[in-house]
Each structure stands twice: as C-alpha cells, then as structure tokens.
Amino acid sequence: MDFGSIFGNTASYLFSPVTIAYALAATGLAVHFGYAGLLNFGMAAFMAIGGYGYAISVLSFGLPWWLGMIIGMAGGALFALLLGIPTLRLRADYLAIATIAAGEIVRLLFTTQLFDEWTNSADGLAGYHAGFRGANPFPPGTYGFGPWTYNENDLWNRVFGLLALAVAILVVWALMRSPWGRVLKGIREDEDAVRSLGKNVFGYKMQALVIGGVIGALGGIVFVLPSAVVPGSYSTSLTFFLWTILLLGGAATVFGPTLGAIIFWLVFAFLGNLLPDLAKADLLPMSDAQAGTIRFVLVGIALMLLVIFRPQGILGDKREMTFVK
C-alpha cells in the first residue's frame, strides 16, 4: 500500500473547499440547534439555495459574482422565513420531520424539468466561474507545498472560503455574547420561562433560523466555487454529515463546527483511501468498491456513539447540552 499517497490525499482535505463549506454550514446549524434548540434536518436545502442562487444569478441574469452571492444568501433568508412561519411552533420531533421533508422538496424542485431553463434539472449548472476568478488577487502560478500545492484559482477559492468562515465565526461569537444571544440560550433551555418574561419566543426563533440559514447558504456558495452545482450533492446524507460534524466539535460552541469539519473530513478521507487499498491487498474480504462504502457505516456508528457518550462534543460543556436530554 502507498501510505505516502494515502496520507497526502488525506492531508489535502485540511484546507479543502469542501471542509470549509461544511464548517460554514455546521456553524449555521449551531445557531439553529446549539443555541436556539431548533432540530433542523434541512440544512442541505439552505446550501442548495445558496449555491443555485449564486449560479443562476450569474448564468441566467448576468449579474456580477458578488451580487450573485448576496442573492444566494438572501435566498437562504427567504427560505428560512417560508420554512419557519408554519413550523417553528411545532414540537422538536415534528420540526425535525418537517425540515427534512422541506430539504427533500427543495432538492427535487432543482431536479425537475419544470425549471430546466434555469437549473438544468438533474445535470446541474457549471461555467459561472469567470467573474469570481476575474477578481482573483493572486497572480498565475503555483503556491504552497506538498499536499497543499494550489494554482491561483484553487488558492483564491480557499482564501475566500476561509475569510467567509472567519466572518461567520466572528458574527456568531458576537451575537451569542450579546443580550440577544442570552435570550436565545434561555429559549433553548426553557422557552416557557422566557415567554413568561414577556419575550417573543417565536420572533427570536425566527431570527435564529434566518441567521443560521444565511450562514448555511454561504456555505453552499463556497461548496460550489471550485466546480459545479449538482443537485445530487444535496441529499439527506449531507445533512447527516453536518450533524455528525456539529456533534463532534460541539453544538453549543463557536469553534466546534470548524474543528468538527476538519476532523470529520480528515478521517473520512483517510478511510476512503485506506479501506480500498486494504481490499486490493486482500486484507479485507470484499472488493475495493465495497470497502469504500464501509466509511459511511462507520460515520453512522460514530454519530450514534457521539450522541450516547459525548453529546456536548469535543469543545462543548456538558452543562450547555441539557436540552438534548
């Protein structure tokens, strides 16, 4: 087995746009669940709306790349309003069912031929990169070293994603230290008590849903910067990956989602490279394709173990997770 290649391919995920995008989306999910206690299983829909909003704005309407990104994030906010008005008064388990259904509805809408003129249905969208790459401040060349060697476009994708992630983390940190954030945490623990103090619980939940949705949509934009918008990427598995990342790093923490995304993708990439090689070397009684799917089983097992033994995550405080019980 080529361990040099295995470790090199794994290390490349440390600064991958995929890792950054998932960290952003998980940060938005932390606002929903970690701080507001909203059991949202539809974050994939926010990412899809962000990515499609950006791509359609550029391709179909010829808008500048930065305006397309604003429209993508505005689409996430609008979807949060449409989703929250009928669902935020539901109990947690019913909210989970409603949000996962909403996520699937959005994905299927992007695959239908009814909107083929704008979405290209199941084939997705590509060719919207010119404006963003034209704003690249890095001159043509090769940057970095080892597994972190990039051309100017790859570097720009990563730098932009990291800047977006830093801004999102700063915003969440500032909000959760404010009186607004303290009310939100109170709603998470006991919304009846907060309501008895005269606070508009529904309004606070809606605001949290919108803010987390905008961050999730931004994650969806970063997710599609390197290649294309493909509707198959926004299946329910994406949402469950985000939940694994969130619980791994810590749901009620600012930096937990980023740490969770890094650990998750490094381990996921390592297993994706190692297990097929073990199968090819006849060290596993299966084909290399079958071995590659075992990592999905391991992710499911890891998610169950996290919920059972450490629901507060790596960076979390168990006292911050009483609402999970």
C-alpha atoms as a PDB file:
ATOM      1  CA  MET A   1       0.000   0.000   0.000  1.00  0.00           C
ATOM      2  CA  ASP A   2       1.154   3.502  -0.804  1.00  0.00           C
ATOM      3  CA  PHE A   3       0.905   5.198   2.588  1.00  0.00           C
ATOM      4  CA  GLY A   4       2.521   8.347   1.210  1.00  0.00           C
ATOM      5  CA  SER A   5      -0.348   8.768  -1.219  1.00  0.00           C
ATOM      6  CA  ILE A   6      -2.915   7.884   1.449  1.00  0.00           C
ATOM      7  CA  PHE A   7      -1.633  10.467   3.920  1.00  0.00           C
ATOM      8  CA  GLY A   8      -1.105  13.069   1.184  1.00  0.00           C
ATOM      9  CA  ASN A   9      -4.665  12.738  -0.096  1.00  0.00           C
ATOM     10  CA  THR A  10      -5.942  12.882   3.476  1.00  0.00           C
ATOM     11  CA  ALA A  11      -3.930  15.978   4.369  1.00  0.00           C
ATOM     12  CA  SER A  12      -5.243  17.819   1.311  1.00  0.00           C
ATOM     13  CA  TYR A  13      -8.671  17.966   2.984  1.00  0.00           C
ATOM     14  CA  LEU A  14      -7.320  20.215   5.741  1.00  0.00           C
ATOM     15  CA  PHE A  15      -7.859  23.306   3.550  1.00  0.00           C
ATOM     16  CA  SER A  16     -10.315  21.835   1.088  1.00  0.00           C
ATOM     17  CA  PRO A  17     -13.267  23.996  -0.044  1.00  0.00           C
ATOM     18  CA  VAL A  18     -15.469  21.057   0.938  1.00  0.00           C
ATOM     19  CA  THR A  19     -14.176  21.167   4.508  1.00  0.00           C
ATOM     20  CA  ILE A  20     -14.598  24.944   4.665  1.00  0.00           C
ATOM     21  CA  ALA A  21     -18.114  24.773   3.210  1.00  0.00           C
ATOM     22  CA  TYR A  22     -19.186  22.113   5.706  1.00  0.00           C
ATOM     23  CA  ALA A  23     -17.677  24.155   8.546  1.00  0.00           C
ATOM     24  CA  LEU A  24     -19.765  27.143   7.448  1.00  0.00           C
ATOM     25  CA  ALA A  25     -22.957  25.109   7.154  1.00  0.00           C
ATOM     26  CA  ALA A  26     -22.322  23.448  10.519  1.00  0.00           C
ATOM     27  CA  THR A  27     -21.811  26.913  12.058  1.00  0.00           C
ATOM     28  CA  GLY A  28     -25.244  27.864  10.761  1.00  0.00           C
ATOM     29  CA  LEU A  29     -26.622  24.637  12.186  1.00  0.00           C
ATOM     30  CA  ALA A  30     -25.027  25.511  15.528  1.00  0.00           C
ATOM     31  CA  VAL A  31     -27.102  28.704  15.580  1.00  0.00           C
ATOM     32  CA  HIS A  32     -30.217  26.640  14.870  1.00  0.00           C
ATOM     33  CA  PHE A  33     -29.665  23.723  17.208  1.00  0.00           C
ATOM     34  CA  GLY A  34     -26.777  24.513  19.524  1.00  0.00           C
ATOM     35  CA  TYR A  35     -28.022  27.944  20.594  1.00  0.00           C
ATOM     36  CA  ALA A  36     -31.732  28.052  19.708  1.00  0.00           C
ATOM     37  CA  GLY A  37     -32.580  24.383  20.204  1.00  0.00           C
ATOM     38  CA  LEU A  38     -34.189  24.066  16.749  1.00  0.00           C
ATOM     39  CA  LEU A  39     -33.974  20.500  15.486  1.00  0.00           C
ATOM     40  CA  ASN A  40     -33.320  21.341  11.832  1.00  0.00           C
ATOM     41  CA  PHE A  41     -32.681  18.429   9.472  1.00  0.00           C
ATOM     42  CA  GLY A  42     -32.973  20.520   6.334  1.00  0.00           C
ATOM     43  CA  MET A  43     -29.644  22.373   6.212  1.00  0.00           C
ATOM     44  CA  ALA A  44     -28.919  20.756   2.835  1.00  0.00           C
ATOM     45  CA  ALA A  45     -31.753  22.881   1.418  1.00  0.00           C
ATOM     46  CA  PHE A  46     -30.098  26.102   2.596  1.00  0.00           C
ATOM     47  CA  MET A  47     -26.826  25.054   0.982  1.00  0.00           C
ATOM     48  CA  ALA A  48     -28.615  24.169  -2.257  1.00  0.00           C
ATOM     49  CA  ILE A  49     -30.442  27.505  -2.351  1.00  0.00           C
ATOM     50  CA  GLY A  50     -27.199  29.367  -1.747  1.00  0.00           C
ATOM     51  CA  GLY A  51     -25.345  27.503  -4.487  1.00  0.00           C
ATOM     52  CA  TYR A  52     -28.149  27.656  -7.030  1.00  0.00           C
ATOM     53  CA  GLY A  53     -28.964  31.283  -6.200  1.00  0.00           C
ATOM     54  CA  TYR A  54     -25.374  32.242  -6.913  1.00  0.00           C
ATOM     55  CA  ALA A  55     -25.045  30.180 -10.105  1.00  0.00           C
ATOM     56  CA  ILE A  56     -28.425  31.181 -11.576  1.00  0.00           C
ATOM     57  CA  SER A  57     -27.802  34.868 -10.864  1.00  0.00           C
ATOM     58  CA  VAL A  58     -24.553  34.735 -12.828  1.00  0.00           C
ATOM     59  CA  LEU A  59     -25.604  32.407 -15.661  1.00  0.00           C
ATOM     60  CA  SER A  60     -29.224  33.374 -16.299  1.00  0.00           C
ATOM     61  CA  PHE A  61     -29.216  37.048 -15.364  1.00  0.00           C
ATOM     62  CA  GLY A  62     -25.603  38.032 -16.000  1.00  0.00           C
ATOM     63  CA  LEU A  63     -25.144  39.575 -12.561  1.00  0.00           C
ATOM     64  CA  PRO A  64     -21.714  40.190 -11.001  1.00  0.00           C
ATOM     65  CA  TRP A  65     -20.362  37.366  -8.876  1.00  0.00           C
ATOM     66  CA  TRP A  66     -20.583  39.358  -5.633  1.00  0.00           C
ATOM     67  CA  LEU A  67     -24.213  40.269  -6.260  1.00  0.00           C
ATOM     68  CA  GLY A  68     -24.954  36.641  -7.075  1.00  0.00           C
ATOM     69  CA  MET A  69     -23.549  35.650  -3.693  1.00  0.00           C
ATOM     70  CA  ILE A  70     -25.708  38.233  -1.944  1.00  0.00           C
ATOM     71  CA  ILE A  71     -28.747  36.867  -3.779  1.00  0.00           C
ATOM     72  CA  GLY A  72     -27.815  33.319  -2.761  1.00  0.00           C
ATOM     73  CA  MET A  73     -27.628  34.344   0.905  1.00  0.00           C
ATOM     74  CA  ALA A  74     -30.856  36.332   0.584  1.00  0.00           C
ATOM     75  CA  GLY A  75     -32.447  33.181  -0.819  1.00  0.00           C
ATOM     76  CA  GLY A  76     -31.379  31.351   2.351  1.00  0.00           C
ATOM     77  CA  ALA A  77     -33.013  34.057   4.469  1.00  0.00           C
ATOM     78  CA  LEU A  78     -36.230  33.932   2.433  1.00  0.00           C
ATOM     79  CA  PHE A  79     -36.363  30.142   2.657  1.00  0.00           C
ATOM     80  CA  ALA A  80     -35.906  30.383   6.434  1.00  0.00           C
ATOM     81  CA  LEU A  81     -38.914  32.712   6.635  1.00  0.00           C
ATOM     82  CA  LEU A  82     -41.056  30.444   4.471  1.00  0.00           C
ATOM     83  CA  LEU A  83     -39.977  27.396   6.454  1.00  0.00           C
ATOM     84  CA  GLY A  84     -40.237  28.996   9.878  1.00  0.00           C
ATOM     85  CA  ILE A  85     -43.685  30.588   9.677  1.00  0.00           C
ATOM     86  CA  PRO A  86     -45.586  27.268   9.613  1.00  0.00           C
ATOM     87  CA  THR A  87     -43.097  25.093  11.541  1.00  0.00           C
ATOM     88  CA  LEU A  88     -41.461  26.973  14.416  1.00  0.00           C
ATOM     89  CA  ARG A  89     -44.429  26.407  16.712  1.00  0.00           C
ATOM     90  CA  LEU A  90     -44.098  22.647  16.252  1.00  0.00           C
ATOM     91  CA  ARG A  91     -42.612  20.378  18.880  1.00  0.00           C
ATOM     92  CA  ALA A  92     -38.975  19.373  18.278  1.00  0.00           C
ATOM     93  CA  ASP A  93     -39.658  15.960  16.748  1.00  0.00           C
ATOM     94  CA  TYR A  94     -42.316  17.326  14.406  1.00  0.00           C
ATOM     95  CA  LEU A  95     -39.982  20.170  13.446  1.00  0.00           C
ATOM     96  CA  ALA A  96     -37.332  17.610  12.515  1.00  0.00           C
ATOM     97  CA  ILE A  97     -39.783  15.765  10.264  1.00  0.00           C
ATOM     98  CA  ALA A  98     -40.951  18.994   8.639  1.00  0.00           C
ATOM     99  CA  THR A  99     -37.427  20.262   7.946  1.00  0.00           C
ATOM    100  CA  ILE A 100     -36.138  17.025   6.466  1.00  0.00           C
ATOM    101  CA  ALA A 101     -39.200  16.959   4.192  1.00  0.00           C
ATOM    102  CA  ALA A 102     -38.561  20.581   3.199  1.00  0.00           C
ATOM    103  CA  GLY A 103     -34.967  19.729   2.345  1.00  0.00           C
ATOM    104  CA  GLU A 104     -36.055  16.922   0.042  1.00  0.00           C
ATOM    105  CA  ILE A 105     -38.689  19.132  -1.598  1.00  0.00           C
ATOM    106  CA  VAL A 106     -36.044  21.738  -2.430  1.00  0.00           C
ATOM    107  CA  ARG A 107     -33.688  19.119  -3.862  1.00  0.00           C
ATOM    108  CA  LEU A 108     -36.420  17.610  -6.018  1.00  0.00           C
ATOM    109  CA  LEU A 109     -37.508  21.040  -7.260  1.00  0.00           C
ATOM    110  CA  PHE A 110     -33.983  21.616  -8.555  1.00  0.00           C
ATOM    111  CA  THR A 111     -34.023  18.270 -10.375  1.00  0.00           C
ATOM    112  CA  THR A 112     -37.411  18.668 -12.049  1.00  0.00           C
ATOM    113  CA  GLN A 113     -37.530  19.711 -15.700  1.00  0.00           C
ATOM    114  CA  LEU A 114     -40.144  22.354 -14.903  1.00  0.00           C
ATOM    115  CA  PHE A 115     -37.311  24.803 -14.137  1.00  0.00           C
ATOM    116  CA  ASP A 116     -34.848  23.315 -16.597  1.00  0.00           C
ATOM    117  CA  GLU A 117     -34.242  26.707 -18.244  1.00  0.00           C
ATOM    118  CA  TRP A 118     -32.598  27.981 -15.061  1.00  0.00           C
ATOM    119  CA  THR A 119     -31.495  24.870 -13.143  1.00  0.00           C
ATOM    120  CA  ASN A 120     -30.589  22.460 -15.974  1.00  0.00           C
ATOM    121  CA  SER A 121     -32.516  19.873 -13.897  1.00  0.00           C
ATOM    122  CA  ALA A 122     -30.513  16.794 -12.868  1.00  0.00           C
ATOM    123  CA  ASP A 123     -27.423  17.811 -14.860  1.00  0.00           C
ATOM    124  CA  GLY A 124     -26.802  20.853 -12.673  1.00  0.00           C
ATOM    125  CA  LEU A 125     -25.008  24.077 -13.565  1.00  0.00           C
ATOM    126  CA  ALA A 126     -21.428  24.964 -14.485  1.00  0.00           C
ATOM    127  CA  GLY A 127     -19.498  27.728 -16.207  1.00  0.00           C
ATOM    128  CA  TYR A 128     -20.266  30.516 -13.723  1.00  0.00           C
ATOM    129  CA  HIS A 129     -16.680  30.951 -12.505  1.00  0.00           C
ATOM    130  CA  ALA A 130     -15.357  33.675 -14.800  1.00  0.00           C
ATOM    131  CA  GLY A 131     -16.404  36.685 -12.718  1.00  0.00           C
ATOM    132  CA  PHE A 132     -15.213  35.257  -9.402  1.00  0.00           C
ATOM    133  CA  ARG A 133     -11.898  34.138 -10.867  1.00  0.00           C
ATOM    134  CA  GLY A 134     -11.526  37.502 -12.573  1.00  0.00           C
ATOM    135  CA  ALA A 135     -11.493  39.092  -9.107  1.00  0.00           C
ATOM    136  CA  ASN A 136      -8.646  36.793  -8.027  1.00  0.00           C
ATOM    137  CA  PRO A 137      -5.910  38.924  -6.380  1.00  0.00           C
ATOM    138  CA  PHE A 138      -3.299  36.183  -6.796  1.00  0.00           C
ATOM    139  CA  PRO A 139      -1.203  36.203  -9.996  1.00  0.00           C
ATOM    140  CA  PRO A 140      -0.928  32.996 -12.064  1.00  0.00           C
ATOM    141  CA  GLY A 141       1.459  30.488 -10.554  1.00  0.00           C
ATOM    142  CA  THR A 142       1.844  27.658  -8.092  1.00  0.00           C
ATOM    143  CA  TYR A 143       1.543  28.202  -4.353  1.00  0.00           C
ATOM    144  CA  GLY A 144       2.142  26.090  -1.279  1.00  0.00           C
ATOM    145  CA  PHE A 145       3.959  22.803  -0.807  1.00  0.00           C
ATOM    146  CA  GLY A 146       3.316  19.078  -0.593  1.00  0.00           C
ATOM    147  CA  PRO A 147      -0.370  18.141  -0.475  1.00  0.00           C
ATOM    148  CA  TRP A 148      -1.207  21.841  -0.087  1.00  0.00           C
ATOM    149  CA  THR A 149       0.004  22.894  -3.538  1.00  0.00           C
ATOM    150  CA  TYR A 150      -2.507  25.036  -5.421  1.00  0.00           C
ATOM    151  CA  ASN A 151      -2.784  27.095  -8.567  1.00  0.00           C
ATOM    152  CA  GLU A 152      -4.045  30.666  -8.328  1.00  0.00           C
ATOM    153  CA  ASN A 153      -7.732  29.697  -8.672  1.00  0.00           C
ATOM    154  CA  ASP A 154      -7.545  26.918  -6.086  1.00  0.00           C
ATOM    155  CA  LEU A 155      -5.813  29.274  -3.669  1.00  0.00           C
ATOM    156  CA  TRP A 156      -8.418  32.003  -4.238  1.00  0.00           C
ATOM    157  CA  ASN A 157     -11.253  29.533  -3.558  1.00  0.00           C
ATOM    158  CA  ARG A 158      -9.676  28.568  -0.260  1.00  0.00           C
ATOM    159  CA  VAL A 159      -8.739  32.074   0.854  1.00  0.00           C
ATOM    160  CA  PHE A 160     -12.239  33.372   0.088  1.00  0.00           C
ATOM    161  CA  GLY A 161     -13.794  30.420   1.922  1.00  0.00           C
ATOM    162  CA  LEU A 162     -11.583  30.931   4.971  1.00  0.00           C
ATOM    163  CA  LEU A 163     -12.419  34.635   5.057  1.00  0.00           C
ATOM    164  CA  ALA A 164     -16.132  33.836   4.855  1.00  0.00           C
ATOM    165  CA  LEU A 165     -15.750  31.279   7.650  1.00  0.00           C
ATOM    166  CA  ALA A 166     -13.855  33.766   9.820  1.00  0.00           C
ATOM    167  CA  VAL A 167     -16.595  36.382   9.365  1.00  0.00           C
ATOM    168  CA  ALA A 168     -19.312  33.819  10.190  1.00  0.00           C
ATOM    169  CA  ILE A 169     -17.492  32.720  13.342  1.00  0.00           C
ATOM    170  CA  LEU A 170     -16.997  36.331  14.425  1.00  0.00           C
ATOM    171  CA  VAL A 171     -20.683  37.129  13.860  1.00  0.00           C
ATOM    172  CA  VAL A 172     -21.846  34.084  15.840  1.00  0.00           C
ATOM    173  CA  TRP A 173     -19.373  34.817  18.643  1.00  0.00           C
ATOM    174  CA  ALA A 174     -20.565  38.425  18.908  1.00  0.00           C
ATOM    175  CA  LEU A 175     -24.252  37.508  18.765  1.00  0.00           C
ATOM    176  CA  MET A 176     -24.024  34.817  21.424  1.00  0.00           C
ATOM    177  CA  ARG A 177     -22.242  37.176  23.829  1.00  0.00           C
ATOM    178  CA  SER A 178     -24.955  39.804  23.376  1.00  0.00           C
ATOM    179  CA  PRO A 179     -28.272  40.079  25.287  1.00  0.00           C
ATOM    180  CA  TRP A 180     -29.953  38.636  22.172  1.00  0.00           C
ATOM    181  CA  GLY A 181     -27.796  35.527  22.424  1.00  0.00           C
ATOM    182  CA  ARG A 182     -28.520  35.107  26.106  1.00  0.00           C
ATOM    183  CA  VAL A 183     -32.257  35.208  25.417  1.00  0.00           C
ATOM    184  CA  LEU A 184     -31.768  32.628  22.671  1.00  0.00           C
ATOM    185  CA  LYS A 185     -29.944  30.283  25.055  1.00  0.00           C
ATOM    186  CA  GLY A 186     -32.759  30.769  27.552  1.00  0.00           C
ATOM    187  CA  ILE A 187     -35.287  29.745  24.912  1.00  0.00           C
ATOM    188  CA  ARG A 188     -33.213  26.649  24.232  1.00  0.00           C
ATOM    189  CA  GLU A 189     -33.354  25.639  27.891  1.00  0.00           C
ATOM    190  CA  ASP A 190     -36.938  26.599  28.764  1.00  0.00           C
ATOM    191  CA  GLU A 191     -38.957  28.636  26.305  1.00  0.00           C
ATOM    192  CA  ASP A 192     -41.968  28.816  28.626  1.00  0.00           C
ATOM    193  CA  ALA A 193     -39.875  30.588  31.246  1.00  0.00           C
ATOM    194  CA  VAL A 194     -38.584  33.066  28.675  1.00  0.00           C
ATOM    195  CA  ARG A 195     -42.093  33.624  27.348  1.00  0.00           C
ATOM    196  CA  SER A 196     -43.279  34.384  30.892  1.00  0.00           C
ATOM    197  CA  LEU A 197     -40.775  37.266  30.950  1.00  0.00           C
ATOM    198  CA  GLY A 198     -42.546  38.877  28.018  1.00  0.00           C
ATOM    199  CA  LYS A 199     -40.126  37.829  25.283  1.00  0.00           C
ATOM    200  CA  ASN A 200     -41.397  36.991  21.806  1.00  0.00           C
ATOM    201  CA  VAL A 201     -40.124  33.412  21.586  1.00  0.00           C
ATOM    202  CA  PHE A 202     -41.384  32.883  18.050  1.00  0.00           C
ATOM    203  CA  GLY A 203     -39.614  36.053  16.898  1.00  0.00           C
ATOM    204  CA  TYR A 204     -36.299  35.006  18.425  1.00  0.00           C
ATOM    205  CA  LYS A 205     -36.560  31.541  16.894  1.00  0.00           C
ATOM    206  CA  MET A 206     -37.297  33.050  13.509  1.00  0.00           C
ATOM    207  CA  GLN A 207     -34.320  35.374  13.759  1.00  0.00           C
ATOM    208  CA  ALA A 208     -32.070  32.430  14.665  1.00  0.00           C
ATOM    209  CA  LEU A 209     -33.432  30.392  11.771  1.00  0.00           C
ATOM    210  CA  VAL A 210     -32.746  33.254   9.345  1.00  0.00           C
ATOM    211  CA  ILE A 211     -29.212  33.923  10.615  1.00  0.00           C
ATOM    212  CA  GLY A 212     -28.264  30.242  10.564  1.00  0.00           C
ATOM    213  CA  GLY A 213     -29.877  29.863   7.144  1.00  0.00           C
ATOM    214  CA  VAL A 214     -27.840  32.737   5.694  1.00  0.00           C
ATOM    215  CA  ILE A 215     -24.620  31.177   7.034  1.00  0.00           C
ATOM    216  CA  GLY A 216     -25.690  27.800   5.604  1.00  0.00           C
ATOM    217  CA  ALA A 217     -26.394  29.393   2.214  1.00  0.00           C
ATOM    218  CA  LEU A 218     -22.928  30.984   2.292  1.00  0.00           C
ATOM    219  CA  GLY A 219     -21.534  27.519   2.930  1.00  0.00           C
ATOM    220  CA  GLY A 220     -23.433  26.313  -0.134  1.00  0.00           C
ATOM    221  CA  ILE A 221     -21.816  29.062  -2.221  1.00  0.00           C
ATOM    222  CA  VAL A 222     -18.301  28.140  -1.067  1.00  0.00           C
ATOM    223  CA  PHE A 223     -19.170  24.494  -1.761  1.00  0.00           C
ATOM    224  CA  VAL A 224     -19.783  25.177  -5.476  1.00  0.00           C
ATOM    225  CA  LEU A 225     -16.939  27.629  -6.129  1.00  0.00           C
ATOM    226  CA  PRO A 226     -14.412  25.030  -7.375  1.00  0.00           C
ATOM    227  CA  SER A 227     -16.581  23.065  -9.812  1.00  0.00           C
ATOM    228  CA  ALA A 228     -20.339  22.894 -10.419  1.00  0.00           C
ATOM    229  CA  VAL A 229     -23.774  22.866  -8.795  1.00  0.00           C
ATOM    230  CA  VAL A 230     -25.058  19.283  -8.822  1.00  0.00           C
ATOM    231  CA  PRO A 231     -28.461  18.552  -7.235  1.00  0.00           C
ATOM    232  CA  GLY A 232     -27.367  15.064  -6.204  1.00  0.00           C
ATOM    233  CA  SER A 233     -24.933  16.645  -3.738  1.00  0.00           C
ATOM    234  CA  TYR A 234     -27.794  17.882  -1.560  1.00  0.00           C
ATOM    235  CA  SER A 235     -29.232  14.574  -0.426  1.00  0.00           C
ATOM    236  CA  THR A 236     -30.086  13.773   3.177  1.00  0.00           C
ATOM    237  CA  SER A 237     -26.602  12.318   3.679  1.00  0.00           C
ATOM    238  CA  LEU A 238     -25.214  15.872   3.528  1.00  0.00           C
ATOM    239  CA  THR A 239     -27.447  16.908   6.411  1.00  0.00           C
ATOM    240  CA  PHE A 240     -26.431  13.900   8.491  1.00  0.00           C
ATOM    241  CA  PHE A 241     -22.759  14.621   7.789  1.00  0.00           C
ATOM    242  CA  LEU A 242     -23.370  18.139   9.095  1.00  0.00           C
ATOM    243  CA  TRP A 243     -24.979  16.773  12.244  1.00  0.00           C
ATOM    244  CA  THR A 244     -22.016  14.459  12.800  1.00  0.00           C
ATOM    245  CA  ILE A 245     -19.654  17.426  12.382  1.00  0.00           C
ATOM    246  CA  LEU A 246     -21.712  19.584  14.737  1.00  0.00           C
ATOM    247  CA  LEU A 247     -21.921  16.978  17.488  1.00  0.00           C
ATOM    248  CA  LEU A 248     -18.270  16.045  17.052  1.00  0.00           C
ATOM    249  CA  GLY A 249     -16.994  19.573  17.582  1.00  0.00           C
ATOM    250  CA  GLY A 250     -19.653  20.789  19.991  1.00  0.00           C
ATOM    251  CA  ALA A 251     -23.140  22.042  19.168  1.00  0.00           C
ATOM    252  CA  ALA A 252     -23.194  24.993  21.566  1.00  0.00           C
ATOM    253  CA  THR A 253     -19.697  26.245  20.709  1.00  0.00           C
ATOM    254  CA  VAL A 254     -18.371  28.834  18.283  1.00  0.00           C
ATOM    255  CA  PHE A 255     -15.308  26.959  17.040  1.00  0.00           C
ATOM    256  CA  GLY A 256     -16.700  23.445  17.464  1.00  0.00           C
ATOM    257  CA  PRO A 257     -18.250  23.206  13.963  1.00  0.00           C
ATOM    258  CA  THR A 258     -14.940  24.159  12.332  1.00  0.00           C
ATOM    259  CA  LEU A 259     -12.972  21.669  14.419  1.00  0.00           C
ATOM    260  CA  GLY A 260     -15.617  19.014  13.750  1.00  0.00           C
ATOM    261  CA  ALA A 261     -15.445  19.624   9.984  1.00  0.00           C
ATOM    262  CA  ILE A 262     -11.651  19.275   9.957  1.00  0.00           C
ATOM    263  CA  ILE A 263     -11.649  16.064  11.995  1.00  0.00           C
ATOM    264  CA  PHE A 264     -14.576  14.596  10.076  1.00  0.00           C
ATOM    265  CA  TRP A 265     -13.139  15.159   6.611  1.00  0.00           C
ATOM    266  CA  LEU A 266      -9.624  14.075   7.557  1.00  0.00           C
ATOM    267  CA  VAL A 267     -10.944  10.806   8.991  1.00  0.00           C
ATOM    268  CA  PHE A 268     -13.449  10.361   6.150  1.00  0.00           C
ATOM    269  CA  ALA A 269     -10.769  10.931   3.511  1.00  0.00           C
ATOM    270  CA  PHE A 270      -8.303   8.673   5.332  1.00  0.00           C
ATOM    271  CA  LEU A 271     -10.796   5.800   5.437  1.00  0.00           C
ATOM    272  CA  GLY A 272     -11.763   6.449   1.814  1.00  0.00           C
ATOM    273  CA  ASN A 273      -8.148   5.962   0.788  1.00  0.00           C
ATOM    274  CA  LEU A 274      -7.149   3.246   3.255  1.00  0.00           C
ATOM    275  CA  LEU A 275     -10.058   0.797   3.076  1.00  0.00           C
ATOM    276  CA  PRO A 276      -9.995   0.262  -0.742  1.00  0.00           C
ATOM    277  CA  ASP A 277      -6.219  -0.290  -0.562  1.00  0.00           C
ATOM    278  CA  LEU A 278      -6.731  -2.858   2.176  1.00  0.00           C
ATOM    279  CA  ALA A 279      -9.271  -4.634  -0.012  1.00  0.00           C
ATOM    280  CA  LYS A 280      -6.909  -4.605  -3.012  1.00  0.00           C
ATOM    281  CA  ALA A 281      -4.211  -6.122  -0.801  1.00  0.00           C
ATOM    282  CA  ASP A 282      -6.666  -8.902   0.165  1.00  0.00           C
ATOM    283  CA  LEU A 283      -6.667  -7.728   3.775  1.00  0.00           C
ATOM    284  CA  LEU A 284     -10.429  -7.191   3.652  1.00  0.00           C
ATOM    285  CA  PRO A 285     -12.827  -9.880   2.351  1.00  0.00           C
ATOM    286  CA  MET A 286     -14.541  -7.597  -0.177  1.00  0.00           C
ATOM    287  CA  SER A 287     -13.971  -5.578  -3.312  1.00  0.00           C
ATOM    288  CA  ASP A 288     -12.371  -2.148  -3.166  1.00  0.00           C
ATOM    289  CA  ALA A 289     -15.704  -0.526  -4.141  1.00  0.00           C
ATOM    290  CA  GLN A 290     -17.458  -2.287  -1.260  1.00  0.00           C
ATOM    291  CA  ALA A 291     -14.663  -1.306   1.112  1.00  0.00           C
ATOM    292  CA  GLY A 292     -15.116   2.335   0.156  1.00  0.00           C
ATOM    293  CA  THR A 293     -18.725   2.282   1.341  1.00  0.00           C
ATOM    294  CA  ILE A 294     -17.780   1.000   4.799  1.00  0.00           C
ATOM    295  CA  ARG A 295     -16.797   4.522   5.780  1.00  0.00           C
ATOM    296  CA  PHE A 296     -20.457   5.549   5.563  1.00  0.00           C
ATOM    297  CA  VAL A 297     -21.311   2.768   8.021  1.00  0.00           C
ATOM    298  CA  LEU A 298     -18.545   3.956  10.325  1.00  0.00           C
ATOM    299  CA  VAL A 299     -19.864   7.529  10.170  1.00  0.00           C
ATOM    300  CA  GLY A 300     -23.301   6.279  11.242  1.00  0.00           C
ATOM    301  CA  ILE A 301     -21.801   4.319  14.125  1.00  0.00           C
ATOM    302  CA  ALA A 302     -19.707   7.332  15.153  1.00  0.00           C
ATOM    303  CA  LEU A 303     -22.805   9.546  15.173  1.00  0.00           C
ATOM    304  CA  MET A 304     -24.637   7.118  17.461  1.00  0.00           C
ATOM    305  CA  LEU A 305     -21.657   6.880  19.827  1.00  0.00           C
ATOM    306  CA  LEU A 306     -21.354  10.677  19.952  1.00  0.00           C
ATOM    307  CA  VAL A 307     -25.000  11.096  20.886  1.00  0.00           C
ATOM    308  CA  ILE A 308     -24.731   8.410  23.577  1.00  0.00           C
ATOM    309  CA  PHE A 309     -21.365   9.138  25.188  1.00  0.00           C
ATOM    310  CA  ARG A 310     -20.421  12.740  24.376  1.00  0.00           C
ATOM    311  CA  PRO A 311     -23.354  14.807  23.106  1.00  0.00           C
ATOM    312  CA  GLN A 312     -21.554  18.016  24.114  1.00  0.00           C
ATOM    313  CA  GLY A 313     -18.766  17.361  21.595  1.00  0.00           C
ATOM    314  CA  ILE A 314     -15.017  17.876  21.871  1.00  0.00           C
ATOM    315  CA  LEU A 315     -15.175  21.573  22.794  1.00  0.00           C
ATOM    316  CA  GLY A 316     -18.577  21.533  24.441  1.00  0.00           C
ATOM    317  CA  ASP A 317     -19.556  21.829  28.082  1.00  0.00           C
ATOM    318  CA  LYS A 318     -21.992  19.183  29.242  1.00  0.00           C
ATOM    319  CA  ARG A 319     -23.922  21.834  31.160  1.00  0.00           C
ATOM    320  CA  GLU A 320     -24.629  23.528  27.817  1.00  0.00           C
ATOM    321  CA  MET A 321     -26.327  20.413  26.453  1.00  0.00           C
ATOM    322  CA  THR A 322     -29.118  19.796  28.947  1.00  0.00           C
ATOM    323  CA  PHE A 323     -31.661  20.436  26.201  1.00  0.00           C
ATOM    324  CA  VAL A 324     -30.555  17.288  24.366  1.00  0.00           C
ATOM    325  CA  LYS A 325     -31.938  15.050  27.092  1.00  0.00           C
END
